[in-house]
Amino acid sequence: AHAARTAELAAGDDRTVGAAHIERAARRAAPAVVDVLARYPAAPAGGGRVGELIRGLDAHLRS
């Protein structure tokens, strides 16, 4: 999520760039990562834009 936010800022604060980074990260996640993530609660609210990106990745991996 931090790398995605950095890419957004480098692209003039373009949120589509961050979303694309999160999408790629979700596609690369191994099934074991998804299995472990399912043992934990969903990502919490807050954290500004990085928090939004984390929650997006979390939701994508859980779906």
N, C-alpha and C. Protein backbone atom coordinates (compact mmCIF):
# COMPACT_ATOMS: atom_id res chain seq x y z
N ALA A 1 0.82 -1.19 0.00
CA ALA A 1 0.00 0.00 0.00
C ALA A 1 0.87 1.25 0.00
N HIS A 2 1.98 1.20 0.70
CA HIS A 2 2.88 2.36 0.72
C HIS A 2 3.51 2.56 -0.66
N ALA A 3 3.89 1.48 -1.30
CA ALA A 3 4.45 1.59 -2.65
C ALA A 3 3.40 2.10 -3.63
N ALA A 4 2.17 1.66 -3.47
CA ALA A 4 1.09 2.13 -4.34
C ALA A 4 0.86 3.63 -4.14
N ARG A 5 0.90 4.07 -2.90
CA ARG A 5 0.72 5.51 -2.63
C ARG A 5 1.87 6.31 -3.21
N THR A 6 3.09 5.80 -3.09
CA THR A 6 4.25 6.47 -3.66
C THR A 6 4.10 6.61 -5.17
N ALA A 7 3.63 5.55 -5.81
CA ALA A 7 3.41 5.60 -7.26
C ALA A 7 2.34 6.62 -7.61
N GLU A 8 1.29 6.71 -6.80
CA GLU A 8 0.26 7.72 -7.02
C GLU A 8 0.86 9.12 -6.98
N LEU A 9 1.64 9.38 -5.96
CA LEU A 9 2.23 10.71 -5.81
C LEU A 9 3.18 11.03 -6.96
N ALA A 10 3.95 10.04 -7.40
CA ALA A 10 4.87 10.24 -8.52
C ALA A 10 4.12 10.53 -9.81
N ALA A 11 2.87 10.06 -9.89
CA ALA A 11 2.05 10.27 -11.08
C ALA A 11 1.11 11.46 -10.91
N GLY A 12 1.47 12.39 -10.04
CA GLY A 12 0.64 13.58 -9.84
C GLY A 12 -0.60 13.32 -9.01
N ASP A 13 -0.50 12.41 -8.05
CA ASP A 13 -1.61 12.05 -7.15
C ASP A 13 -2.76 11.37 -7.91
N ASP A 14 -2.41 10.54 -8.87
CA ASP A 14 -3.38 9.82 -9.69
C ASP A 14 -3.79 8.53 -8.97
N ARG A 15 -5.02 8.49 -8.48
CA ARG A 15 -5.50 7.35 -7.71
C ARG A 15 -5.62 6.08 -8.54
N THR A 16 -5.78 6.22 -9.84
CA THR A 16 -5.87 5.02 -10.68
C THR A 16 -4.55 4.26 -10.70
N VAL A 17 -3.45 4.97 -10.54
CA VAL A 17 -2.13 4.32 -10.49
C VAL A 17 -2.03 3.45 -9.24
N GLY A 18 -2.46 3.97 -8.11
CA GLY A 18 -2.43 3.19 -6.87
C GLY A 18 -3.35 1.99 -6.94
N ALA A 19 -4.52 2.19 -7.52
CA ALA A 19 -5.46 1.07 -7.66
C ALA A 19 -4.88 -0.03 -8.53
N ALA A 20 -4.17 0.35 -9.58
CA ALA A 20 -3.53 -0.64 -10.45
C ALA A 20 -2.45 -1.42 -9.71
N HIS A 21 -1.69 -0.73 -8.86
CA HIS A 21 -0.66 -1.41 -8.05
C HIS A 21 -1.31 -2.42 -7.10
N ILE A 22 -2.39 -2.03 -6.48
CA ILE A 22 -3.09 -2.91 -5.55
C ILE A 22 -3.64 -4.13 -6.30
N GLU A 23 -4.20 -3.89 -7.47
CA GLU A 23 -4.74 -4.99 -8.28
C GLU A 23 -3.64 -6.00 -8.63
N ARG A 24 -2.49 -5.50 -9.04
CA ARG A 24 -1.37 -6.39 -9.37
C ARG A 24 -0.90 -7.17 -8.15
N ALA A 25 -0.84 -6.50 -7.01
CA ALA A 25 -0.41 -7.18 -5.78
C ALA A 25 -1.40 -8.29 -5.41
N ALA A 26 -2.67 -8.02 -5.57
CA ALA A 26 -3.69 -9.03 -5.24
C ALA A 26 -3.57 -10.24 -6.17
N ARG A 27 -3.32 -10.00 -7.44
CA ARG A 27 -3.18 -11.10 -8.39
C ARG A 27 -1.95 -11.96 -8.10
N ARG A 28 -0.90 -11.34 -7.56
CA ARG A 28 0.34 -12.07 -7.28
C ARG A 28 0.31 -12.82 -5.95
N ALA A 29 -0.66 -12.54 -5.11
CA ALA A 29 -0.70 -13.16 -3.78
C ALA A 29 -0.90 -14.66 -3.89
N ALA A 30 -0.06 -15.38 -3.20
CA ALA A 30 -0.16 -16.85 -3.18
C ALA A 30 -1.39 -17.28 -2.39
N PRO A 31 -1.96 -18.42 -2.72
CA PRO A 31 -3.11 -18.92 -1.96
C PRO A 31 -2.83 -19.02 -0.46
N ALA A 32 -1.61 -19.33 -0.08
CA ALA A 32 -1.27 -19.41 1.34
C ALA A 32 -1.44 -18.06 2.03
N VAL A 33 -1.14 -16.98 1.33
CA VAL A 33 -1.32 -15.64 1.90
C VAL A 33 -2.80 -15.39 2.17
N VAL A 34 -3.64 -15.76 1.22
CA VAL A 34 -5.08 -15.57 1.37
C VAL A 34 -5.60 -16.42 2.53
N ASP A 35 -5.12 -17.64 2.65
CA ASP A 35 -5.54 -18.52 3.75
C ASP A 35 -5.17 -17.93 5.11
N VAL A 36 -3.97 -17.41 5.23
CA VAL A 36 -3.54 -16.81 6.50
C VAL A 36 -4.34 -15.54 6.78
N LEU A 37 -4.55 -14.72 5.76
CA LEU A 37 -5.30 -13.48 5.94
C LEU A 37 -6.71 -13.76 6.46
N ALA A 38 -7.30 -14.84 6.01
CA ALA A 38 -8.67 -15.18 6.43
C ALA A 38 -8.76 -15.46 7.93
N ARG A 39 -7.65 -15.71 8.57
CA ARG A 39 -7.65 -15.98 10.02
C ARG A 39 -7.72 -14.70 10.84
N TYR A 40 -7.55 -13.57 10.20
CA TYR A 40 -7.49 -12.28 10.90
C TYR A 40 -8.70 -11.43 10.55
N PRO A 41 -9.02 -10.45 11.40
CA PRO A 41 -10.13 -9.54 11.07
C PRO A 41 -9.77 -8.67 9.87
N ALA A 42 -10.79 -8.11 9.26
CA ALA A 42 -10.59 -7.21 8.11
C ALA A 42 -9.76 -6.00 8.54
N ALA A 43 -9.12 -5.39 7.57
CA ALA A 43 -8.29 -4.20 7.83
C ALA A 43 -9.16 -3.11 8.47
N PRO A 44 -8.63 -2.43 9.47
CA PRO A 44 -9.41 -1.42 10.19
C PRO A 44 -9.56 -0.12 9.40
N ALA A 45 -10.53 0.67 9.81
CA ALA A 45 -10.74 1.99 9.21
C ALA A 45 -9.61 2.92 9.61
N GLY A 46 -9.50 4.02 8.88
CA GLY A 46 -8.49 5.03 9.19
C GLY A 46 -7.23 4.86 8.37
N GLY A 47 -6.27 5.71 8.65
CA GLY A 47 -4.98 5.61 7.98
C GLY A 47 -4.85 6.41 6.71
N GLY A 48 -5.81 7.28 6.44
CA GLY A 48 -5.70 8.12 5.25
C GLY A 48 -5.71 7.31 3.96
N ARG A 49 -5.05 7.82 2.96
CA ARG A 49 -5.04 7.16 1.65
C ARG A 49 -4.35 5.80 1.70
N VAL A 50 -3.27 5.68 2.46
CA VAL A 50 -2.61 4.37 2.57
C VAL A 50 -3.57 3.37 3.21
N GLY A 51 -4.32 3.80 4.19
CA GLY A 51 -5.33 2.93 4.80
C GLY A 51 -6.38 2.49 3.79
N GLU A 52 -6.80 3.40 2.93
CA GLU A 52 -7.76 3.04 1.88
C GLU A 52 -7.18 1.96 0.97
N LEU A 53 -5.93 2.13 0.60
CA LEU A 53 -5.28 1.15 -0.27
C LEU A 53 -5.15 -0.20 0.42
N ILE A 54 -4.80 -0.18 1.70
CA ILE A 54 -4.70 -1.43 2.47
C ILE A 54 -6.06 -2.12 2.51
N ARG A 55 -7.11 -1.36 2.79
CA ARG A 55 -8.44 -1.97 2.85
C ARG A 55 -8.87 -2.50 1.49
N GLY A 56 -8.49 -1.81 0.43
CA GLY A 56 -8.80 -2.30 -0.91
C GLY A 56 -8.12 -3.63 -1.20
N LEU A 57 -6.85 -3.73 -0.83
CA LEU A 57 -6.12 -4.98 -1.03
C LEU A 57 -6.72 -6.08 -0.17
N ASP A 58 -7.02 -5.76 1.07
CA ASP A 58 -7.61 -6.71 2.00
C ASP A 58 -8.93 -7.24 1.44
N ALA A 59 -9.79 -6.34 0.99
CA ALA A 59 -11.09 -6.75 0.44
C ALA A 59 -10.92 -7.60 -0.81
N HIS A 60 -10.00 -7.22 -1.66
CA HIS A 60 -9.78 -7.97 -2.90
C HIS A 60 -9.31 -9.39 -2.58
N LEU A 61 -8.40 -9.52 -1.64
CA LEU A 61 -7.88 -10.84 -1.29
C LEU A 61 -8.94 -11.72 -0.62
N ARG A 62 -9.86 -11.11 0.09
CA ARG A 62 -10.90 -11.87 0.78
C ARG A 62 -12.06 -12.25 -0.14
N SER A 63 -12.16 -11.62 -1.30
CA SER A 63 -13.31 -11.90 -2.19
C SER A 63 -13.08 -13.11 -3.06
